[in-house]
Structure formats: C-alpha cells, structure tokens
Amino acid sequence: MKRLIPLVALALATLTFNQAVAQAAAADSLRGSRPNIVFVITDDQGMGDLACLGNEVLRTPNLDRLYRQSTRLTDFHVSPTCAPTRSALMSGRPPFKVGVTHTIRQRERLAPDVYTLPQALQSAGYATGLFGKWHLGDAEAYLPQNRGFDEVLMHGAGGIGQVRLGDFPPNSENVYFDNVLLHNDTIVQTKGYCTDIFFQAALNWIKQQEGSAEPYFAYIALNAPHGPLVAPEKYSRRFRELGYDKGTAGRYGMIENIDDNVGLLMQKLEQWNALDDTLVVFMTDNGAAHLRGTLNGQRVQHFNFQMRGGKNSPYEGGTHVPAFFRWKGILGEGVDIDGLTAHLDIYPTFAELAGAKLPDDMQPLDGSYIEGFEGAVGMSRKDYVAKGMEAFQKAARDGAIIAFTCGLGDNQQDADEAPRSAGGHQRRSGDAQSRFDYQLAIFLACAEQYSYFDLHDGYDAKTSKTWMTHRPEYDRPLGPPRGPAVRDGYIFTRQFAHASVRVDIENETGSIVWSK
C-alpha cells in the first residue's frame, strides 16, 4: 500500500509556522540523528482506555500528560491481535508475509529470514533491550536474544501463565506476581507485580545506557492489561467500591498501574536529562478486550471511543489504537495528525532516524520512510490540505488505496433527528445539507477502499477548484447504500452502489449521483 504522507512528515507538517521556523534547523538533521528510542506498547488496551480520550471512569494522569506533550497519530492502525502486530513492528511487513498467521501453536513464529527492527538498530550502533512480551516464537532460534536484542527480560508464549502454550509452569500458580521469567539465557525468579518488574528492569538498563555515548532502544512490551485481569489490590479496590465486577476492576486497575509506571519512566528520563535526545512512543497492540461487565449488578458496555468491535475484530475497534510520539523540542506538543499511519511505518521510521544502512537482501518494507519531511516544515494547514489533495489526485492515477473520513459539521442531536431519504442518507435543509453533501462526496470519492486521508472541518482549504470522479475500475459493488452509521459527530459508510462524485473544494460543495 502506498502512503501519501510519511509518519514524521505528518507530524512536522502540522506544526504552526512559528514552531516550524524555530525547529527547522533541527528538522534538517532528523535523518540519522540517532535519538534514543523508548517504545512502550501495552496489550489489549484500546482507544477508550484512557481518560484523555474520553474514559470518565479511569484516572490516567501520566498518560494524559504524555498525550498533551505529544504528537498524536489519530488514525493509527495495527493488527487486531497480539503476535500479528508485533510481527509487523519487528519486520515492517504485513504479518502473513512473515509467517505470522495467529497467536498460538507456532503460528506466531516470526520467519527466520526476517531482518528485524532491533537488528537494524544494532547495525547503527544502538544497544537494544526487550522488557516484557515477545510473542514471536519461544524456540531457541526465534527468541529475541537471537533476533537483535542485547538485553532481554521476558515471559513465554502470549501471556504470563499460558503454560500450555510455552510459559514457565510456576506462573500458572501465582499469575502476574513473583513470576518466573527469562533473563537473557537464565531463568530467574522475580518478586513483585509483573508490570512493575518490567518497567523497573527497563529503567535499570536505560540508566546504564545513559552512561554510554551510544544510543539505545528500550522496547517495553507489557503483557498488561491482557487477561487474566489481575492487578495489585490498591489499584483494583477503587473500581470494586464503585460497584464494578471483578474482571473490570482488575483490568482498569492494571491500566492505572501502567499509568503510574509511565509516570515513573518520564520522571526518570527528565531527572537524567534524557528527554532532549529521546523519542518516547506509547501505543497499544490491538483494540480493547473485556468491553462488557457489570456495574452494581447491571450489565454495562465499557467506553470504547464510540467504535464498533474490539480485539480480534475486523472493525475499527479492533485495529484503531492510541499512538503518542514525544520528542522534546523536536515534535510538536498537542498536535493531532489525522492521516492514516500504521504499525508497518514504525520500522522504516525508526531505521531512518537511526541512520541504519539496511542490507540489500533483506525483506522489502511496506511502511513509509521519512522522505520529504524537511520540505514539509513550515506548511500551514491550508498548504497541508492543498498538497494532500494533489497527492490524492496523483495517488488515484497510480491506483493507490485511499479513503476519506467525513465530518457531519452538525451536532449529534441534529444528526440523530435528521430524517432519512429513500437511499438511507440523512437529509437536512439549507446549509447543513450542503455541508453534509460536500463531505459525503469527499468520502464517497474513494470510500470503497481502505486507507484514510482525512479532511476535517476547520481546515482552511481554499484551493483552486478540484474535482474527484468515481473510478469504476476500482469498484467492489455492494448494493445500494445501507445508510450512514453516525457516531460522535462523524459519519462513516462504505457500502454503496456505483456513484459519480463531483467536489468543489474552493466553494466546499459536492454532489453525489447514484447509478442504477
């Protein structure tokens, strides 16, 4: 799949002009700048599992602070389950292309011929450490120690206590506390809660690396909040007292424990004066699990960012996850990036930042390198959209896979109350209907395909007239439209018959003509 705008280019493109001028010199040297990389990935935590993203039950002050300080990829996607996402991160390729087709029974093994992300970083002089979950093979040849990691503290299989699938037998007796883990080539007994152990081991290792002149890559890959849903008592108690079931209390407690550990991590990095040359990344491996529970004996559905589906689902709730990128003084703070990005982009982006020289005979990478981001510095939002439209037109000619999200421009009540036409679309009068048709036209211009390039309300997209015409050769006819699914001020629909679409960006009008 071709990418319209690379990961870091997107981040830099949306900086304000003053920020861009101040940071242009830094941007010119980002390639090969070799920052330390601290990469935190949690397990089965979805978009709805953070207070900063709308959860009114959880308290996540440290992740909320990281969110405010970060450039956020608002349309970042992964695979719907654990091992596939991790294989994409480690290989830069879709999971099936590197032998990962499931999470169990050896189908999680990463193909032996993959030149992994940590190997690429090692080639650029990085020290590499893994703390937590590997889940890409437990046989000797597949272990992370033999795939590019210098330092390893890990559990087996896809989770602590999964003894039948490869974890250490004692871990079935006291899940998540005092676990038996593999430290490099030695089996060790630990003392404490697993998430605390992994963060503490990572911090100890990072502190050692801070005394070195060479950069480091710390991959903190947690097994939490994956089930079984067990948290220290001080974290789960509040939710039980609120009336939640034991599973929900455990899971939410696990997330608040993660938040405390992220706070400790950021505190130590600041204390060690490491933030100026360290890229901190937070993301999750797939959508949320355990989306239902009880509250005071009544069944409830937990907050899921208004998305359908969760882990192991093909819907957005299975693949759309948080992604925060914090690089003090380099990436913008509080910047939302709405273009499509994915786990496939992590490998090439990190490799480019590290200045890694990748071998010619390695696997091809399917994600985006950082190409052209220096030219994007200083672009206003208006220019960003204009260049985005030009990129769309070229990509359409090249047969790239693109789609748009569509903002309603009205409040939720208006959307809910609007009557529907015979075709299933909500109808309104006057300006509201015109705005709706315009944005729906943008969406339908390429909605039969699966990647996103967003045009949101609020962009000052006053460009020359631009038309986008439906391309029948790319059709997958699915019958007449079933009507839009309205949620939280946005509308999404991908099921419709052939249509011709005309969009006037300058006047912000659009029309849709459905074929019979």
Protein backbone atom coordinates (compact mmCIF):
# COMPACT_ATOMS: atom_id res chain seq x y z
CA MET A 1 0.00 0.00 0.00
CA LYS A 2 1.37 3.42 -0.90
CA ARG A 3 1.43 6.06 1.81
CA LEU A 4 0.54 9.64 0.99
CA ILE A 5 2.47 11.33 3.77
CA PRO A 6 5.18 9.66 5.87
CA LEU A 7 4.88 9.33 9.63
CA VAL A 8 7.24 12.07 10.77
CA ALA A 9 6.40 14.24 7.78
CA LEU A 10 2.82 14.26 9.02
CA ALA A 11 3.93 15.28 12.48
CA LEU A 12 6.10 18.12 11.26
CA ALA A 13 3.61 19.26 8.64
CA THR A 14 1.08 20.37 11.21
CA LEU A 15 3.35 22.47 13.38
CA THR A 16 2.44 26.13 13.46
CA PHE A 17 4.59 28.45 11.39
CA ASN A 18 6.41 29.87 14.41
CA GLN A 19 7.15 26.40 15.73
CA ALA A 20 8.35 25.32 12.31
CA VAL A 21 10.74 28.26 11.97
CA ALA A 22 12.19 27.59 15.40
CA GLN A 23 12.62 23.91 14.66
CA ALA A 24 13.66 23.97 11.01
CA ALA A 25 17.32 23.53 11.83
CA ALA A 26 16.51 20.52 13.99
CA ALA A 27 14.29 19.07 11.27
CA ASP A 28 17.09 19.25 8.72
CA SER A 29 19.15 16.92 10.86
CA LEU A 30 16.50 14.43 11.91
CA ARG A 31 17.65 11.83 9.41
CA GLY A 32 20.39 9.90 11.08
CA SER A 33 20.06 11.98 14.26
CA ARG A 34 20.15 8.75 16.29
CA PRO A 35 17.83 9.58 19.18
CA ASN A 36 17.36 7.14 21.99
CA ILE A 37 14.04 5.36 21.48
CA VAL A 38 11.86 4.28 24.40
CA PHE A 39 8.94 2.35 22.97
CA VAL A 40 6.09 1.39 25.32
CA ILE A 41 3.41 -0.94 23.96
CA THR A 42 0.58 -2.30 26.09
CA ASP A 43 -1.54 -5.39 25.49
CA ASP A 44 -5.30 -5.30 24.76
CA GLN A 45 -5.69 -1.62 25.69
CA GLY A 46 -7.99 0.26 23.35
CA MET A 47 -8.69 3.86 22.39
CA GLY A 48 -11.33 4.04 25.10
CA ASP A 49 -8.98 3.04 27.90
CA LEU A 50 -7.51 6.46 28.65
CA ALA A 51 -9.03 9.43 30.44
CA CYS A 52 -7.54 11.82 27.87
CA LEU A 53 -9.51 10.02 25.15
CA GLY A 54 -12.82 10.19 26.95
CA ASN A 55 -12.97 7.45 29.59
CA GLU A 56 -14.69 9.02 32.59
CA VAL A 57 -14.00 6.14 34.98
CA LEU A 58 -10.26 5.67 34.59
CA ARG A 59 -7.69 8.04 36.09
CA THR A 60 -4.60 8.17 33.88
CA PRO A 61 -2.89 11.49 34.72
CA ASN A 62 0.56 10.46 33.49
CA LEU A 63 -0.59 9.15 30.13
CA ASP A 64 -2.83 12.21 29.86
CA ARG A 65 0.22 14.41 30.38
CA LEU A 66 2.16 12.42 27.77
CA TYR A 67 -0.80 12.86 25.42
CA ARG A 68 -0.72 16.65 25.88
CA GLN A 69 3.02 16.77 25.28
CA SER A 70 2.99 14.50 22.25
CA THR A 71 2.29 14.49 18.57
CA ARG A 72 -0.69 12.13 18.34
CA LEU A 73 -1.48 9.92 15.37
CA THR A 74 -5.26 9.94 15.49
CA ASP A 75 -5.76 7.36 12.74
CA PHE A 76 -3.08 4.84 13.67
CA HIS A 77 -3.88 1.19 12.97
CA VAL A 78 -2.46 -2.17 13.96
CA SER A 79 -3.47 -5.79 13.54
CA PRO A 80 -6.46 -6.99 15.60
CA THR A 81 -4.42 -9.39 17.77
CA CYS A 82 -1.10 -9.55 19.60
CA ALA A 83 1.51 -11.51 17.63
CA PRO A 84 0.50 -10.12 14.21
CA THR A 85 1.01 -6.55 15.40
CA ARG A 86 4.37 -7.41 16.95
CA SER A 87 5.50 -9.13 13.77
CA ALA A 88 4.65 -6.01 11.76
CA LEU A 89 6.62 -3.84 14.18
CA MET A 90 9.64 -6.13 14.06
CA SER A 91 9.59 -6.73 10.29
CA GLY A 92 7.95 -3.74 8.62
CA ARG A 93 5.73 -6.18 6.72
CA PRO A 94 2.15 -7.47 6.99
CA PRO A 95 2.04 -10.47 9.35
CA PHE A 96 1.13 -13.11 6.77
CA LYS A 97 4.18 -12.15 4.69
CA VAL A 98 6.50 -13.03 7.58
CA GLY A 99 4.85 -16.26 8.67
CA VAL A 100 2.64 -14.97 11.49
CA THR A 101 -0.96 -16.09 10.98
CA HIS A 102 -2.18 -16.50 14.56
CA THR A 103 -1.13 -16.07 18.17
CA ILE A 104 -0.66 -19.75 19.18
CA ARG A 105 0.60 -23.19 18.11
CA GLN A 106 3.75 -21.96 16.36
CA ARG A 107 1.77 -19.74 14.02
CA GLU A 108 3.14 -16.78 15.97
CA ARG A 109 6.73 -17.53 14.94
CA LEU A 110 8.42 -14.72 13.03
CA ALA A 111 10.06 -16.05 9.86
CA PRO A 112 13.78 -16.77 10.50
CA ASP A 113 14.94 -14.82 7.45
CA VAL A 114 13.43 -11.51 8.67
CA TYR A 115 15.98 -8.78 9.33
CA THR A 116 14.37 -7.39 12.45
CA LEU A 117 13.99 -3.83 13.68
CA PRO A 118 16.42 -4.32 16.59
CA GLN A 119 18.96 -5.83 14.18
CA ALA A 120 18.65 -2.74 12.01
CA LEU A 121 19.16 -0.51 15.03
CA GLN A 122 22.11 -2.59 16.22
CA SER A 123 23.72 -2.02 12.83
CA ALA A 124 23.51 1.72 13.56
CA GLY A 125 25.27 1.32 16.90
CA TYR A 126 22.23 1.05 19.16
CA ALA A 127 22.07 -1.01 22.33
CA THR A 128 18.75 -2.88 22.32
CA GLY A 129 16.62 -4.17 25.17
CA LEU A 130 13.29 -6.01 25.42
CA PHE A 131 11.30 -6.00 28.65
CA GLY A 132 8.07 -7.99 28.78
CA LYS A 133 6.26 -9.72 25.96
CA TRP A 134 7.94 -11.08 22.83
CA HIS A 135 5.29 -13.45 21.41
CA LEU A 136 7.09 -14.19 18.16
CA GLY A 137 8.39 -17.66 18.99
CA ASP A 138 9.79 -19.42 22.06
CA ALA A 139 12.03 -21.96 20.35
CA GLU A 140 15.73 -21.15 20.56
CA ALA A 141 16.11 -19.78 17.03
CA TYR A 142 13.12 -17.48 17.46
CA LEU A 143 13.96 -15.97 20.84
CA PRO A 144 14.60 -12.20 20.90
CA GLN A 145 18.15 -12.78 22.10
CA ASN A 146 18.78 -14.29 18.67
CA ARG A 147 16.77 -11.69 16.76
CA GLY A 148 18.63 -8.50 17.66
CA PHE A 149 18.13 -7.79 21.36
CA ASP A 150 21.18 -7.40 23.60
CA GLU A 151 19.20 -7.42 26.84
CA VAL A 152 16.04 -9.47 27.42
CA LEU A 153 13.66 -9.99 30.33
CA MET A 154 10.59 -11.84 29.07
CA HIS A 155 7.78 -14.25 29.82
CA GLY A 156 6.90 -17.06 27.44
CA ALA A 157 4.04 -17.57 24.99
CA GLY A 158 1.45 -14.81 24.58
CA GLY A 159 0.92 -14.14 28.27
CA ILE A 160 2.09 -14.91 31.76
CA GLY A 161 0.54 -18.17 32.93
CA GLN A 162 -0.06 -19.59 29.43
CA VAL A 163 1.81 -22.73 30.41
CA ARG A 164 0.29 -25.00 27.76
CA LEU A 165 1.47 -22.56 25.10
CA GLY A 166 5.03 -22.15 26.35
CA ASP A 167 5.22 -20.06 29.51
CA PHE A 168 7.02 -21.29 32.63
CA PRO A 169 4.92 -23.78 34.69
CA PRO A 170 5.22 -21.95 38.06
CA ASN A 171 3.49 -18.92 36.55
CA SER A 172 0.16 -20.74 36.48
CA GLU A 173 0.10 -20.75 40.27
CA ASN A 174 0.56 -17.04 41.02
CA VAL A 175 -0.38 -15.19 37.88
CA TYR A 176 1.26 -11.75 37.48
CA PHE A 177 3.04 -11.78 40.85
CA ASP A 178 6.53 -13.12 41.67
CA ASN A 179 6.82 -14.64 38.20
CA VAL A 180 9.47 -16.85 36.69
CA LEU A 181 10.97 -15.07 33.69
CA LEU A 182 13.81 -15.49 31.20
CA HIS A 183 16.65 -13.02 31.67
CA ASN A 184 18.91 -13.35 28.66
CA ASP A 185 19.90 -17.04 28.90
CA THR A 186 19.00 -17.52 32.58
CA ILE A 187 15.66 -18.44 34.12
CA VAL A 188 15.05 -16.14 37.10
CA GLN A 189 12.54 -15.81 39.92
CA THR A 190 11.23 -12.27 40.32
CA LYS A 191 9.43 -10.60 43.21
CA GLY A 192 6.62 -8.14 42.65
CA TYR A 193 3.89 -7.32 40.14
CA CYS A 194 4.81 -8.07 36.52
CA THR A 195 4.29 -4.57 35.08
CA ASP A 196 6.34 -3.03 37.88
CA ILE A 197 9.08 -5.60 37.25
CA PHE A 198 9.27 -4.89 33.52
CA PHE A 199 9.40 -1.12 33.98
CA GLN A 200 11.97 -1.34 36.75
CA ALA A 201 14.18 -3.64 34.67
CA ALA A 202 13.87 -1.26 31.72
CA LEU A 203 14.76 1.75 33.88
CA ASN A 204 17.78 -0.01 35.35
CA TRP A 205 19.00 -0.84 31.86
CA ILE A 206 18.29 2.66 30.50
CA LYS A 207 20.23 4.19 33.40
CA GLN A 208 23.23 2.06 32.44
CA GLN A 209 22.93 3.14 28.80
CA GLU A 210 22.77 6.80 29.77
CA GLY A 211 26.40 6.48 30.80
CA SER A 212 27.33 5.42 27.26
CA ALA A 213 27.96 7.57 24.22
CA GLU A 214 25.88 5.25 22.05
CA PRO A 215 22.07 5.46 21.69
CA TYR A 216 19.67 2.80 22.90
CA PHE A 217 16.35 1.23 22.01
CA ALA A 218 14.23 0.17 25.00
CA TYR A 219 11.23 -1.91 23.93
CA ILE A 220 8.90 -2.07 26.94
CA ALA A 221 6.30 -4.54 25.73
CA LEU A 222 3.83 -5.17 28.51
CA ASN A 223 1.52 -8.14 28.92
CA ALA A 224 -1.00 -5.91 30.73
CA PRO A 225 -3.90 -5.33 30.58
CA HIS A 226 -4.23 -8.71 28.83
CA GLY A 227 -6.21 -11.28 30.80
CA PRO A 228 -6.28 -12.80 33.31
CA LEU A 229 -7.45 -9.49 34.74
CA VAL A 230 -5.34 -9.24 37.86
CA ALA A 231 -4.00 -6.04 39.44
CA PRO A 232 -2.49 -5.19 42.80
CA GLU A 233 -5.18 -4.66 45.41
CA LYS A 234 -4.51 -0.94 45.76
CA TYR A 235 -5.32 -0.48 42.07
CA SER A 236 -8.42 -2.65 41.77
CA ARG A 237 -10.07 -1.66 45.06
CA ARG A 238 -11.48 1.66 43.83
CA PHE A 239 -13.37 0.04 40.98
CA ARG A 240 -14.86 -2.68 43.18
CA GLU A 241 -16.02 0.03 45.57
CA LEU A 242 -17.67 1.78 42.64
CA GLY A 243 -19.63 -1.41 42.02
CA TYR A 244 -17.80 -2.89 39.06
CA ASP A 245 -17.38 -6.60 38.56
CA LYS A 246 -14.11 -8.30 39.50
CA GLY A 247 -12.87 -8.52 35.89
CA THR A 248 -13.47 -4.84 35.14
CA ALA A 249 -11.92 -3.82 38.46
CA GLY A 250 -8.85 -5.91 37.67
CA ARG A 251 -8.49 -4.63 34.13
CA TYR A 252 -8.96 -0.96 35.00
CA GLY A 253 -6.59 -1.43 37.92
CA MET A 254 -3.99 -2.83 35.53
CA ILE A 255 -4.32 0.27 33.34
CA GLU A 256 -3.93 2.66 36.26
CA ASN A 257 -0.85 0.70 37.33
CA ILE A 258 0.56 1.14 33.81
CA ASP A 259 -0.14 4.85 34.11
CA ASP A 260 1.85 5.11 37.34
CA ASN A 261 4.76 3.30 35.71
CA VAL A 262 4.69 5.59 32.67
CA GLY A 263 4.82 8.50 35.09
CA LEU A 264 7.89 6.99 36.77
CA LEU A 265 9.51 6.42 33.39
CA MET A 266 9.02 10.04 32.30
CA GLN A 267 10.17 11.32 35.69
CA LYS A 268 13.41 9.36 35.47
CA LEU A 269 14.09 10.39 31.87
CA GLU A 270 13.67 14.02 32.91
CA GLN A 271 15.83 13.52 36.00
CA TRP A 272 18.57 12.01 33.83
CA ASN A 273 18.30 14.91 31.31
CA ALA A 274 17.46 12.38 28.62
CA LEU A 275 14.30 13.86 27.10
CA ASP A 276 16.01 16.21 24.63
CA ASP A 277 17.55 13.31 22.73
CA THR A 278 14.96 10.61 23.37
CA LEU A 279 11.89 9.73 21.35
CA VAL A 280 9.24 8.26 23.66
CA VAL A 281 6.47 6.32 21.95
CA PHE A 282 3.32 4.95 23.53
CA MET A 283 0.92 2.69 21.64
CA THR A 284 -1.11 -0.48 22.10
CA ASP A 285 -1.08 -3.74 20.18
CA ASN A 286 -4.76 -4.06 19.27
CA GLY A 287 -8.22 -2.97 20.33
CA ALA A 288 -9.68 -3.43 23.77
CA ALA A 289 -10.77 -6.72 25.28
CA HIS A 290 -13.37 -7.18 28.04
CA LEU A 291 -15.69 -4.49 26.69
CA ARG A 292 -18.63 -5.61 28.81
CA GLY A 293 -19.11 -6.04 32.53
CA THR A 294 -21.46 -5.20 35.34
CA LEU A 295 -21.94 -2.12 37.48
CA ASN A 296 -23.92 -2.64 40.66
CA GLY A 297 -25.25 -5.85 39.19
CA GLN A 298 -26.43 -4.28 35.93
CA ARG A 299 -24.83 -5.15 32.61
CA VAL A 300 -22.82 -2.32 31.12
CA GLN A 301 -20.77 -1.78 27.99
CA HIS A 302 -17.47 -0.08 28.69
CA PHE A 303 -16.37 3.06 26.88
CA ASN A 304 -14.77 2.20 23.53
CA PHE A 305 -14.23 5.59 21.87
CA GLN A 306 -17.59 5.17 20.11
CA MET A 307 -16.10 2.42 17.94
CA ARG A 308 -17.57 -0.87 16.86
CA GLY A 309 -15.67 -4.02 17.79
CA GLY A 310 -12.61 -4.75 19.87
CA LYS A 311 -9.70 -7.16 19.94
CA ASN A 312 -9.87 -9.89 17.31
CA SER A 313 -12.41 -7.86 15.34
CA PRO A 314 -12.12 -6.60 11.74
CA TYR A 315 -13.94 -3.42 12.72
CA GLU A 316 -12.27 -0.16 13.68
CA GLY A 317 -12.37 -1.03 17.36
CA GLY A 318 -10.04 -3.95 16.64
CA THR A 319 -7.31 -2.00 14.87
CA HIS A 320 -7.52 1.71 15.72
CA VAL A 321 -5.28 2.36 18.74
CA PRO A 322 -3.59 5.28 20.53
CA ALA A 323 -0.18 6.38 19.29
CA PHE A 324 1.69 9.18 21.08
CA PHE A 325 5.14 10.42 19.97
CA ARG A 326 7.02 12.62 22.42
CA TRP A 327 10.36 14.13 21.38
CA LYS A 328 11.00 17.24 23.43
CA GLY A 329 11.85 20.23 21.29
CA ILE A 330 11.51 18.33 18.02
CA LEU A 331 7.95 17.09 17.56
CA GLY A 332 5.04 19.40 18.27
CA GLU A 333 3.20 19.22 21.58
CA GLY A 334 -0.56 18.71 21.46
CA VAL A 335 -0.55 18.16 17.71
CA ASP A 336 -3.15 15.83 16.20
CA ILE A 337 -2.21 14.10 12.95
CA ASP A 338 -5.20 12.75 11.08
CA GLY A 339 -3.59 10.95 8.13
CA LEU A 340 -3.51 7.18 8.09
CA THR A 341 -0.46 5.61 9.72
CA ALA A 342 0.11 2.04 10.81
CA HIS A 343 2.41 -0.36 12.63
CA LEU A 344 4.15 -1.01 9.31
CA ASP A 345 5.53 2.54 9.43
CA ILE A 346 7.40 2.09 12.72
CA TYR A 347 10.31 0.03 11.36
CA PRO A 348 11.27 2.31 8.45
CA THR A 349 10.77 5.43 10.56
CA PHE A 350 12.99 4.23 13.40
CA ALA A 351 15.58 2.92 10.96
CA GLU A 352 15.71 6.24 9.15
CA LEU A 353 16.05 8.22 12.37
CA ALA A 354 18.82 5.88 13.48
CA GLY A 355 20.67 6.20 10.18
CA ALA A 356 20.64 2.44 9.76
CA LYS A 357 22.04 1.13 6.48
CA LEU A 358 19.69 -1.70 5.62
CA PRO A 359 21.07 -4.69 3.68
CA ASP A 360 20.02 -5.12 0.07
CA ASP A 361 18.92 -8.71 0.57
CA MET A 362 16.54 -8.10 3.49
CA GLN A 363 12.76 -8.26 3.21
CA PRO A 364 11.08 -5.32 1.45
CA LEU A 365 9.41 -2.86 3.80
CA ASP A 366 5.75 -1.99 3.32
CA GLY A 367 5.64 1.09 5.52
CA SER A 368 6.77 4.67 4.95
CA TYR A 369 10.26 6.10 5.28
CA ILE A 370 10.78 9.69 6.35
CA GLU A 371 11.09 11.21 2.89
CA GLY A 372 10.44 14.86 2.21
CA PHE A 373 9.61 15.87 5.76
CA GLU A 374 12.14 18.72 5.70
CA GLY A 375 10.16 20.28 2.85
CA ALA A 376 7.01 19.94 4.89
CA VAL A 377 8.34 22.11 7.73
CA GLY A 378 6.55 25.43 7.74
CA MET A 379 3.48 24.24 5.87
CA SER A 380 0.28 25.75 7.16
CA ARG A 381 -2.89 23.73 7.49
CA LYS A 382 -4.10 25.28 4.26
CA ASP A 383 -0.99 24.15 2.39
CA TYR A 384 -1.18 20.76 4.03
CA VAL A 385 -4.67 20.17 2.66
CA ALA A 386 -3.78 21.54 -0.77
CA LYS A 387 -0.75 19.32 -1.04
CA GLY A 388 -2.83 16.49 0.30
CA MET A 389 -5.37 16.96 -2.47
CA GLU A 390 -2.61 16.97 -5.08
CA ALA A 391 -1.20 13.83 -3.53
CA PHE A 392 -4.64 12.27 -3.63
CA GLN A 393 -5.05 13.03 -7.34
CA LYS A 394 -1.65 11.53 -8.16
CA ALA A 395 -2.32 8.51 -5.97
CA ALA A 396 -5.67 7.99 -7.65
CA ARG A 397 -3.99 8.00 -11.05
CA ASP A 398 -1.47 5.49 -9.73
CA GLY A 399 -4.20 3.26 -8.34
CA ALA A 400 -3.32 3.82 -4.69
CA ILE A 401 -5.74 2.81 -1.96
CA ILE A 402 -7.31 5.85 -0.32
CA ALA A 403 -10.41 6.88 1.57
CA PHE A 404 -11.72 9.86 3.49
CA THR A 405 -13.47 10.23 6.80
CA CYS A 406 -16.46 12.52 6.74
CA GLY A 407 -17.36 15.08 9.40
CA LEU A 408 -21.00 15.98 9.75
CA GLY A 409 -20.46 19.63 10.62
CA ASP A 410 -23.60 19.45 12.82
CA ASN A 411 -24.09 18.41 16.39
CA GLN A 412 -25.07 14.92 17.36
CA GLN A 413 -28.67 15.86 18.12
CA ASP A 414 -29.15 17.29 14.63
CA ALA A 415 -27.67 14.14 13.15
CA ASP A 416 -29.92 11.87 15.19
CA GLU A 417 -33.08 13.82 14.38
CA ALA A 418 -32.48 14.30 10.67
CA PRO A 419 -34.94 12.31 8.53
CA ARG A 420 -33.60 9.78 6.05
CA SER A 421 -34.06 9.78 2.32
CA ALA A 422 -35.10 6.71 0.36
CA GLY A 423 -31.43 5.91 -0.20
CA GLY A 424 -30.77 5.82 3.51
CA HIS A 425 -28.94 9.14 3.81
CA GLN A 426 -29.95 11.67 6.41
CA ARG A 427 -31.48 14.75 4.84
CA ARG A 428 -31.43 18.25 6.19
CA SER A 429 -32.21 21.66 4.80
CA GLY A 430 -30.17 24.59 3.59
CA ASP A 431 -26.55 24.99 4.60
CA ALA A 432 -26.47 21.88 6.78
CA GLN A 433 -27.50 19.69 3.85
CA SER A 434 -24.99 21.37 1.53
CA ARG A 435 -22.18 20.83 4.02
CA PHE A 436 -23.22 17.25 4.54
CA ASP A 437 -23.31 16.56 0.78
CA TYR A 438 -19.89 18.14 0.37
CA GLN A 439 -18.21 15.99 2.99
CA LEU A 440 -20.05 12.85 1.99
CA ALA A 441 -18.95 13.48 -1.59
CA ILE A 442 -15.34 13.61 -0.48
CA PHE A 443 -15.83 10.39 1.38
CA LEU A 444 -17.56 8.59 -1.45
CA ALA A 445 -14.87 9.63 -3.91
CA CYS A 446 -12.87 6.67 -2.72
CA ALA A 447 -14.77 5.05 0.14
CA GLU A 448 -14.67 1.58 -1.36
CA GLN A 449 -11.04 1.33 -0.34
CA TYR A 450 -9.40 1.04 3.00
CA SER A 451 -6.73 3.55 3.93
CA TYR A 452 -7.51 7.03 5.14
CA PHE A 453 -6.54 10.54 4.20
CA ASP A 454 -8.67 12.82 6.35
CA LEU A 455 -10.14 16.21 5.50
CA HIS A 456 -11.79 17.56 8.64
CA ASP A 457 -14.00 20.51 9.41
CA GLY A 458 -11.88 23.50 10.34
CA TYR A 459 -9.25 23.26 7.60
CA ASP A 460 -8.91 26.44 5.56
CA ALA A 461 -8.89 24.51 2.29
CA LYS A 462 -9.33 27.37 -0.17
CA THR A 463 -7.64 25.95 -3.21
CA SER A 464 -8.43 26.02 -6.89
CA LYS A 465 -11.44 24.00 -7.97
CA THR A 466 -10.80 20.32 -7.68
CA TRP A 467 -12.99 17.50 -8.90
CA MET A 468 -12.72 13.87 -7.98
CA THR A 469 -14.54 11.42 -10.20
CA HIS A 470 -15.50 7.94 -9.19
CA ARG A 471 -13.26 5.31 -10.79
CA PRO A 472 -15.40 2.34 -11.87
CA GLU A 473 -12.34 0.16 -12.41
CA TYR A 474 -11.77 0.17 -8.65
CA ASP A 475 -15.34 -0.79 -7.78
CA ARG A 476 -16.43 -3.57 -5.50
CA PRO A 477 -20.22 -3.14 -5.87
CA LEU A 478 -22.02 -3.97 -2.66
CA GLY A 479 -25.56 -2.94 -3.50
CA PRO A 480 -27.38 0.25 -2.53
CA PRO A 481 -26.26 2.25 0.50
CA ARG A 482 -27.46 0.91 3.81
CA GLY A 483 -27.37 4.30 5.42
CA PRO A 484 -24.65 6.01 7.41
CA ALA A 485 -23.52 4.98 10.84
CA VAL A 486 -23.48 8.17 12.90
CA ARG A 487 -21.21 8.44 15.91
CA ASP A 488 -19.71 11.29 17.85
CA GLY A 489 -20.01 13.90 15.14
CA TYR A 490 -18.64 11.73 12.34
CA ILE A 491 -20.30 9.64 9.70
CA PHE A 492 -18.86 6.55 8.09
CA THR A 493 -20.33 4.35 5.38
CA ARG A 494 -18.59 2.14 2.89
CA GLN A 495 -21.44 0.19 1.39
CA PHE A 496 -22.97 1.76 -1.69
CA ALA A 497 -23.52 1.18 -5.40
CA HIS A 498 -21.54 2.87 -8.22
CA ALA A 499 -21.57 6.64 -7.93
CA SER A 500 -20.19 9.65 -9.75
CA VAL A 501 -18.83 12.29 -7.40
CA ARG A 502 -18.04 15.94 -8.02
CA VAL A 503 -16.32 18.00 -5.30
CA ASP A 504 -15.61 21.72 -5.40
CA ILE A 505 -13.00 22.32 -2.69
CA GLU A 506 -12.96 26.09 -3.15
CA ASN A 507 -16.68 26.54 -2.56
CA GLU A 508 -16.95 23.46 -0.34
CA THR A 509 -19.80 21.90 -2.24
CA GLY A 510 -20.30 18.40 -3.52
CA SER A 511 -22.81 16.24 -5.28
CA ILE A 512 -23.41 12.52 -5.49
CA VAL A 513 -25.15 10.84 -8.42
CA TRP A 514 -26.01 7.21 -7.86
CA SER A 515 -26.06 4.91 -10.85
CA LYS A 516 -28.88 2.45 -11.28
